[in-house]
Every structure is written in C-alpha cells, then in structure tokens.
Amino acid sequence: MRRSKRIARQNTTAAASSVSISDLPDHITGDILSRLPLNSIFACRRVCKSWRDRTLEPYFASLHLSRSISSQPHLLSQQQG
C-alpha cells in the first residue's frame, strides 16, 4: 500500500512539473495579466513577444482599465453620536 501511494505521488508530481504557463490558453493568460498593477504589466511585456503583443492590444487596455476602476478600495466611515 505504501509503495503504491509513493508511486502515485511521484507520478502526480512529475505531471504537475511538466506544465508551464505557455500551456495556458491565450484568454487565460490575458485574464491573469489584466489583473496586475500597471508597473507589473510593463515588466511582463519584457518576458516574451506573446505577452508584449497581448498587453498592447486595445481590448487588453480596456479590460485592464475596467478592472482597475472596479477594484478601487472604498473607504466607509461612520460618525458616532
């Protein structure tokens, strides 16, 4: 029983380590990148051509803008008395 669990764990680890971010579909990569702060997006443009191209698309700019506006923190205050 122990041996089969160990082998199963090794197979799972090997399978997980063979997956890279380049295996993700483009729309998933774009979704992840659009949630980053602007300075991180500029850094990601230097990672590879596909990320640069993705972040330069007009759709990406509008998606990032819509997410950054909606994710602004809101401050609520309450007066006592």
C-alpha atoms as a PDB file:
ATOM      1  CA  MET A   1       0.000   0.000   0.000  1.00  0.00           C
ATOM      2  CA  ARG A   2       2.765   2.442   0.902  1.00  0.00           C
ATOM      3  CA  ARG A   3       4.628   1.691  -2.305  1.00  0.00           C
ATOM      4  CA  SER A   4       1.594   2.372  -4.500  1.00  0.00           C
ATOM      5  CA  LYS A   5       0.930   5.695  -2.718  1.00  0.00           C
ATOM      6  CA  ARG A   6       4.545   6.721  -3.198  1.00  0.00           C
ATOM      7  CA  ILE A   7       4.455   5.851  -6.907  1.00  0.00           C
ATOM      8  CA  ALA A   8       1.161   7.708  -7.361  1.00  0.00           C
ATOM      9  CA  ARG A   9       2.608  10.772  -5.617  1.00  0.00           C
ATOM     10  CA  GLN A  10       5.717  10.681  -7.823  1.00  0.00           C
ATOM     11  CA  ASN A  11       3.598  10.424 -10.967  1.00  0.00           C
ATOM     12  CA  THR A  12       1.433  13.349  -9.867  1.00  0.00           C
ATOM     13  CA  THR A  13       4.486  15.469  -9.083  1.00  0.00           C
ATOM     14  CA  ALA A  14       6.084  14.643 -12.432  1.00  0.00           C
ATOM     15  CA  ALA A  15       2.904  15.519 -14.317  1.00  0.00           C
ATOM     16  CA  ALA A  16       2.481  18.805 -12.467  1.00  0.00           C
ATOM     17  CA  SER A  17       6.068  19.877 -13.057  1.00  0.00           C
ATOM     18  CA  SER A  18       5.783  19.366 -16.814  1.00  0.00           C
ATOM     19  CA  VAL A  19       3.074  22.039 -17.188  1.00  0.00           C
ATOM     20  CA  SER A  20       4.227  25.562 -17.953  1.00  0.00           C
ATOM     21  CA  ILE A  21       2.498  28.903 -18.244  1.00  0.00           C
ATOM     22  CA  SER A  22       2.908  28.763 -22.013  1.00  0.00           C
ATOM     23  CA  ASP A  23       0.477  25.814 -21.995  1.00  0.00           C
ATOM     24  CA  LEU A  24      -2.333  28.076 -20.799  1.00  0.00           C
ATOM     25  CA  PRO A  25      -4.858  29.302 -23.374  1.00  0.00           C
ATOM     26  CA  ASP A  26      -4.333  32.898 -24.519  1.00  0.00           C
ATOM     27  CA  HIS A  27      -7.549  34.152 -22.934  1.00  0.00           C
ATOM     28  CA  ILE A  28      -6.456  32.791 -19.529  1.00  0.00           C
ATOM     29  CA  THR A  29      -3.041  34.442 -19.819  1.00  0.00           C
ATOM     30  CA  GLY A  30      -4.715  37.705 -20.820  1.00  0.00           C
ATOM     31  CA  ASP A  31      -7.102  37.452 -17.888  1.00  0.00           C
ATOM     32  CA  ILE A  32      -4.218  36.947 -15.451  1.00  0.00           C
ATOM     33  CA  LEU A  33      -2.179  39.794 -16.927  1.00  0.00           C
ATOM     34  CA  SER A  34      -5.148  42.175 -16.874  1.00  0.00           C
ATOM     35  CA  ARG A  35      -5.410  41.831 -13.096  1.00  0.00           C
ATOM     36  CA  LEU A  36      -1.842  43.008 -12.473  1.00  0.00           C
ATOM     37  CA  PRO A  37      -0.847  46.535 -11.471  1.00  0.00           C
ATOM     38  CA  LEU A  38       0.355  48.717 -14.331  1.00  0.00           C
ATOM     39  CA  ASN A  39       4.047  48.611 -13.373  1.00  0.00           C
ATOM     40  CA  SER A  40       3.927  44.792 -13.352  1.00  0.00           C
ATOM     41  CA  ILE A  41       2.324  44.794 -16.803  1.00  0.00           C
ATOM     42  CA  PHE A  42       5.211  46.878 -18.135  1.00  0.00           C
ATOM     43  CA  ALA A  43       7.630  44.334 -16.664  1.00  0.00           C
ATOM     44  CA  CYS A  44       5.648  41.441 -18.182  1.00  0.00           C
ATOM     45  CA  ARG A  45       5.987  42.988 -21.630  1.00  0.00           C
ATOM     46  CA  ARG A  46       9.678  42.120 -21.471  1.00  0.00           C
ATOM     47  CA  VAL A  47       9.060  38.428 -20.718  1.00  0.00           C
ATOM     48  CA  CYS A  48       8.167  37.270 -24.223  1.00  0.00           C
ATOM     49  CA  LYS A  49       6.718  38.513 -27.504  1.00  0.00           C
ATOM     50  CA  SER A  50       3.305  36.954 -26.966  1.00  0.00           C
ATOM     51  CA  TRP A  51       2.872  38.734 -23.609  1.00  0.00           C
ATOM     52  CA  ARG A  52       4.048  42.000 -25.147  1.00  0.00           C
ATOM     53  CA  ASP A  53       1.615  41.632 -28.030  1.00  0.00           C
ATOM     54  CA  ARG A  54      -1.213  40.652 -25.684  1.00  0.00           C
ATOM     55  CA  THR A  55      -0.691  43.697 -23.441  1.00  0.00           C
ATOM     56  CA  LEU A  56      -0.539  46.062 -26.429  1.00  0.00           C
ATOM     57  CA  GLU A  57      -3.948  45.023 -27.785  1.00  0.00           C
ATOM     58  CA  PRO A  58      -6.698  47.682 -27.458  1.00  0.00           C
ATOM     59  CA  TYR A  59      -9.024  45.105 -25.875  1.00  0.00           C
ATOM     60  CA  PHE A  60      -6.454  44.412 -23.156  1.00  0.00           C
ATOM     61  CA  ALA A  61      -6.189  48.109 -22.318  1.00  0.00           C
ATOM     62  CA  SER A  62      -9.956  48.461 -21.933  1.00  0.00           C
ATOM     63  CA  LEU A  63     -10.158  45.247 -19.894  1.00  0.00           C
ATOM     64  CA  HIS A  64      -7.384  46.386 -17.559  1.00  0.00           C
ATOM     65  CA  LEU A  65      -8.966  49.816 -17.175  1.00  0.00           C
ATOM     66  CA  SER A  66     -12.373  48.368 -16.323  1.00  0.00           C
ATOM     67  CA  ARG A  67     -10.844  46.081 -13.720  1.00  0.00           C
ATOM     68  CA  SER A  68      -8.686  48.761 -12.163  1.00  0.00           C
ATOM     69  CA  ILE A  69     -11.657  51.118 -11.793  1.00  0.00           C
ATOM     70  CA  SER A  70     -13.883  48.456 -10.242  1.00  0.00           C
ATOM     71  CA  SER A  71     -11.173  47.246  -7.869  1.00  0.00           C
ATOM     72  CA  GLN A  72     -10.513  50.621  -6.256  1.00  0.00           C
ATOM     73  CA  PRO A  73     -10.816  50.259  -2.496  1.00  0.00           C
ATOM     74  CA  HIS A  74     -13.649  52.166  -0.893  1.00  0.00           C
ATOM     75  CA  LEU A  75     -13.452  53.824   2.482  1.00  0.00           C
ATOM     76  CA  LEU A  76     -16.524  53.859   4.658  1.00  0.00           C
ATOM     77  CA  SER A  77     -16.768  55.912   7.806  1.00  0.00           C
ATOM     78  CA  GLN A  78     -19.452  56.221  10.404  1.00  0.00           C
ATOM     79  CA  GLN A  79     -19.976  59.079  12.796  1.00  0.00           C
ATOM     80  CA  GLN A  80     -20.839  58.168  16.315  1.00  0.00           C
ATOM     81  CA  GLY A  81     -23.036  60.295  18.399  1.00  0.00           C
END
